[in-house]
Protein backbone atom coordinates (compact mmCIF):
# COMPACT_ATOMS: atom_id res chain seq x y z
CA MET A 1 101.15 85.73 109.71
CA LYS A 2 104.90 87.61 108.89
CA TYR A 3 104.85 91.20 109.10
CA ILE A 4 106.40 93.18 106.24
CA ILE A 5 107.36 97.09 106.93
CA ASP A 6 105.25 99.35 104.82
CA SER A 7 107.58 102.45 104.71
CA ALA A 8 110.37 103.79 102.77
CA ASN A 9 112.26 105.79 105.71
CA TYR A 10 115.48 104.19 106.10
CA GLN A 11 115.40 104.92 110.00
CA GLU A 12 111.94 103.40 110.27
CA ILE A 13 112.50 100.54 108.32
CA ASP A 14 116.45 99.69 110.14
CA GLU A 15 115.00 100.03 113.33
CA VAL A 16 112.10 97.29 113.30
CA LEU A 17 114.61 94.81 110.58
CA LYS A 18 116.64 94.59 113.62
CA MET A 19 113.57 93.44 115.65
CA GLY A 20 112.40 90.22 113.35
CA ILE A 21 110.04 92.06 110.40
CA ARG A 22 110.74 89.75 107.21
CA GLY A 23 110.51 91.94 104.31
CA VAL A 24 110.24 96.09 103.19
CA THR A 25 107.50 97.49 100.70
CA ALA A 26 106.43 101.02 99.88
CA ASN A 27 104.85 103.20 97.80
CA ALA A 28 104.91 106.09 95.31
CA SER A 29 103.89 108.53 98.01
CA MET A 30 106.11 106.97 100.50
CA TYR A 31 109.03 107.73 98.46
CA LEU A 32 108.01 111.10 97.50
CA LYS A 33 107.16 111.91 101.35
CA ASN A 34 110.67 110.56 102.77
CA ASN A 35 112.46 112.52 99.65
CA VAL A 36 113.74 108.50 98.60
CA ASP A 37 115.67 108.00 95.46
CA PHE A 38 113.39 104.63 94.35
CA TYR A 39 116.56 102.91 92.87
CA GLU A 40 118.87 103.72 95.65
CA PHE A 41 116.32 102.66 98.05
CA ILE A 42 116.17 99.11 96.02
CA LYS A 43 119.83 98.76 96.34
CA LYS A 44 119.63 99.36 99.48
CA TYR A 45 117.46 97.05 100.92
CA THR A 46 118.77 94.09 98.16
CA ASN A 47 121.73 94.09 100.25
CA GLU A 48 119.49 92.77 102.95
CA ASP A 49 118.49 89.51 103.95
CA LEU A 50 115.20 89.99 103.45
CA GLU A 51 111.99 87.29 102.42
CA PHE A 52 110.24 90.03 100.96
CA LEU A 53 111.33 93.13 98.91
CA SER A 54 108.92 94.94 96.21
CA GLY A 55 109.73 97.53 93.34
CA GLU A 56 107.13 98.94 91.47
CA VAL A 57 106.35 99.62 88.03
CA MET A 58 104.35 102.96 87.58
CA SER A 59 104.22 103.45 83.80
CA GLU A 60 100.55 103.33 82.40
CA SER A 61 101.73 101.09 79.07
CA LEU A 62 102.71 97.95 78.90
CA GLU A 63 105.98 98.30 77.39
CA GLY A 64 106.61 100.70 79.95
CA MET A 65 106.31 98.50 83.04
CA ILE A 66 108.37 95.79 80.88
CA GLU A 67 111.18 98.45 80.42
CA GLU A 68 111.02 99.17 84.22
CA THR A 69 110.63 95.90 85.12
CA GLU A 70 113.79 94.68 83.42
CA ARG A 71 115.67 97.55 85.07
CA LEU A 72 114.80 95.74 88.87
CA ILE A 73 115.33 92.61 87.76
CA ALA A 74 118.75 93.98 86.96
CA LEU A 75 119.34 95.25 90.52
CA ASN A 76 117.59 91.84 92.33
CA ASN A 77 116.67 89.06 90.54
CA ASP A 78 114.83 87.85 93.22
CA ILE A 79 112.55 91.06 94.09
CA VAL A 80 108.98 90.92 93.86
CA ILE A 81 107.48 93.36 91.22
CA LYS A 82 104.37 95.67 92.22
CA ILE A 83 101.91 96.13 89.99
CA ASN A 84 98.60 98.26 90.14
CA PHE A 85 95.80 97.21 89.42
CA SER A 86 94.91 97.57 85.81
CA LYS A 87 94.24 95.45 82.23
CA GLU A 88 97.85 96.52 81.38
CA GLY A 89 98.85 94.97 84.80
CA LEU A 90 97.02 92.09 84.29
CA GLU A 91 98.63 91.33 81.14
CA LEU A 92 102.35 92.19 82.60
CA CYS A 93 101.44 89.65 85.67
CA ARG A 94 100.68 86.96 83.15
CA LEU A 95 103.73 87.68 81.47
CA LEU A 96 106.00 87.56 83.96
CA HIS A 97 104.68 84.56 85.79
CA LYS A 98 105.37 83.05 82.61
CA ARG A 99 109.08 83.84 82.84
CA GLY A 100 108.98 83.00 86.57
CA ILE A 101 109.29 86.49 88.00
CA LYS A 102 107.64 86.88 91.21
CA THR A 103 104.44 89.55 91.31
CA ALA A 104 102.30 91.31 93.18
CA VAL A 105 99.26 93.08 92.42
CA THR A 106 98.04 95.75 94.85
CA LEU A 107 95.43 98.48 94.80
CA ILE A 108 92.90 95.02 95.66
CA PHE A 109 89.62 96.09 96.83
CA ASN A 110 87.26 93.48 95.73
CA VAL A 111 86.76 89.63 95.77
CA ASN A 112 86.37 90.00 91.54
CA GLN A 113 89.59 91.93 91.11
CA ALA A 114 91.67 89.09 93.94
CA ILE A 115 90.40 86.41 91.66
CA ALA A 116 91.54 88.24 88.09
CA ALA A 117 95.10 88.65 89.94
CA ILE A 118 95.09 85.00 90.73
CA ASN A 119 94.18 84.02 87.19
CA ALA A 120 97.17 86.01 85.85
CA GLY A 121 99.80 84.37 88.15
CA ALA A 122 100.34 86.93 90.69
CA ASP A 123 102.47 85.61 93.48
CA TYR A 124 101.03 88.38 96.18
CA LEU A 125 98.19 90.26 96.58
CA PHE A 126 97.60 93.41 98.40
CA PRO A 127 94.08 94.17 99.14
CA PHE A 128 93.44 97.15 100.99
CA ILE A 129 91.68 97.01 104.29
CA GLY A 130 91.22 100.79 105.77
CA ARG A 131 90.82 102.68 102.39
CA ASN A 132 87.75 99.83 101.73
CA ASP A 133 86.05 101.21 105.15
CA GLU A 134 86.45 104.81 104.06
CA ILE A 135 84.07 103.92 101.29
CA GLY A 136 81.91 102.15 103.30
CA ALA A 137 82.82 98.77 102.64
CA ASP A 138 83.75 96.30 105.10
CA GLY A 139 87.34 95.97 104.51
CA LEU A 140 88.02 93.04 106.43
CA SER A 141 85.17 91.18 105.54
CA ILE A 142 86.58 91.40 101.75
CA ILE A 143 90.02 90.36 102.91
CA LYS A 144 88.34 87.37 104.50
CA ALA A 145 86.41 86.17 102.05
CA ILE A 146 89.48 86.89 99.39
CA GLN A 147 91.55 84.21 101.88
CA ASP A 148 88.98 81.74 102.24
CA ILE A 149 88.58 81.53 98.53
CA ILE A 150 92.22 81.25 98.32
CA THR A 151 92.15 78.53 101.47
CA LEU A 152 89.45 76.70 99.50
CA LYS A 153 90.76 76.02 96.35
CA GLY A 154 94.35 75.69 97.13
CA TYR A 155 95.64 78.46 95.00
CA LYS A 156 99.90 79.61 95.54
CA THR A 157 98.88 83.13 95.94
CA LYS A 158 99.72 84.57 99.29
CA VAL A 159 97.78 87.69 100.73
CA VAL A 160 99.34 90.40 102.03
CA ALA A 161 97.39 92.44 104.17
CA ALA A 162 97.66 96.57 103.17
CA SER A 163 95.78 100.01 104.59
CA ILE A 164 95.85 98.75 108.17
CA LYS A 165 94.62 101.41 110.31
CA ASN A 166 94.56 99.93 114.07
CA LEU A 167 95.37 96.99 116.12
CA ASN A 168 91.65 95.51 115.87
CA GLN A 169 92.13 94.79 112.56
CA LEU A 170 96.02 93.70 112.34
CA ALA A 171 94.49 90.74 115.18
CA LYS A 172 91.67 90.11 112.80
CA ILE A 173 93.76 89.53 109.62
CA ALA A 174 95.78 87.08 111.66
CA LEU A 175 93.02 84.79 112.84
CA TYR A 176 91.99 84.58 109.36
CA GLY A 177 95.18 82.79 108.15
CA ILE A 178 96.40 86.02 106.15
CA ASP A 179 100.25 85.40 105.06
CA TYR A 180 101.51 88.83 105.33
CA ALA A 181 100.28 91.96 106.84
CA ALA A 182 102.19 95.51 105.38
CA VAL A 183 101.92 97.03 108.61
CA PRO A 184 103.18 100.78 109.22
CA TYR A 185 105.70 101.65 111.51
CA ASN A 186 103.62 103.82 114.16
CA LEU A 187 101.14 100.89 113.99
CA TYR A 188 103.51 98.27 114.82
CA MET A 189 105.58 99.70 117.44
CA ARG A 190 101.74 100.64 119.16
CA SER A 191 101.60 96.41 118.57
CA LEU A 192 104.64 95.88 121.30
CA ASP A 193 103.10 97.90 123.91
CA HIS A 194 100.73 96.50 126.89
CA GLU A 195 100.85 98.61 130.26
CA LEU A 196 101.39 94.72 132.02
CA THR A 197 104.20 93.63 130.05
CA VAL A 198 105.59 97.26 130.95
CA SER A 199 104.39 97.09 134.93
CA GLY A 200 105.09 92.91 134.97
CA ALA A 201 109.03 93.63 133.88
CA LYS A 202 109.25 96.47 136.48
CA GLN A 203 108.23 94.19 139.23
CA PHE A 204 110.63 91.26 137.91
CA ILE A 205 113.52 93.80 137.89
CA GLU A 206 113.05 94.81 141.02
CA ASP A 207 113.02 91.11 142.41
CA PHE A 208 116.16 90.04 140.57
CA LYS A 209 118.04 92.56 142.23
CA LYS A 210 116.81 91.64 145.39
CA VAL A 211 117.86 88.02 144.82
CA LYS A 212 121.52 88.62 143.48
CA LYS A 213 122.32 90.49 146.78
CA GLU A 214 120.94 87.64 149.03
CA TYR A 215 123.12 85.28 147.02
CA LYS A 216 126.65 87.42 147.00
């Protein structure tokens, strides 16, 4: 499983990209929170060597979404067009699939939505784990079922786990064969920590200093 940073904070993104994070994704709420100009954000990360970079289309009409898509493609011909799940979104997904433009359908909450997006030609699905849990559904079971169907049928669509709230969820989705995790900065940093790693490194450093002293 590969990590994508789920953030619109430049400092967070630039820090984790240095550590091997494979891509960048965000949403309208994140752009607003960080006071980020959307198109400047896309321009900045177009210049990075990323495996995955998404750009949202937010119009409520098909025509509007097509116009937004054209503007994004003009900035980055390899960008993944991120589409909110809807009837119009599925129609756009199908049109872009025919043109060879990569798409990601987000706000996926159940298997039926996932299958509809796969039929429309989506390259990526963003099923939400934590938000499903908040309404009493089992987010992990749902994303596992989606991945199982893709694996069973041999579909090319890749799953990007989204709305990941804790380390247990992060570990479980890796076991499910999920392709990507859209991981928040704070959760990613927590995933790197372990008290035995810290204490072990400290002991190795202390011992190595003694080794160097002996062989001067």
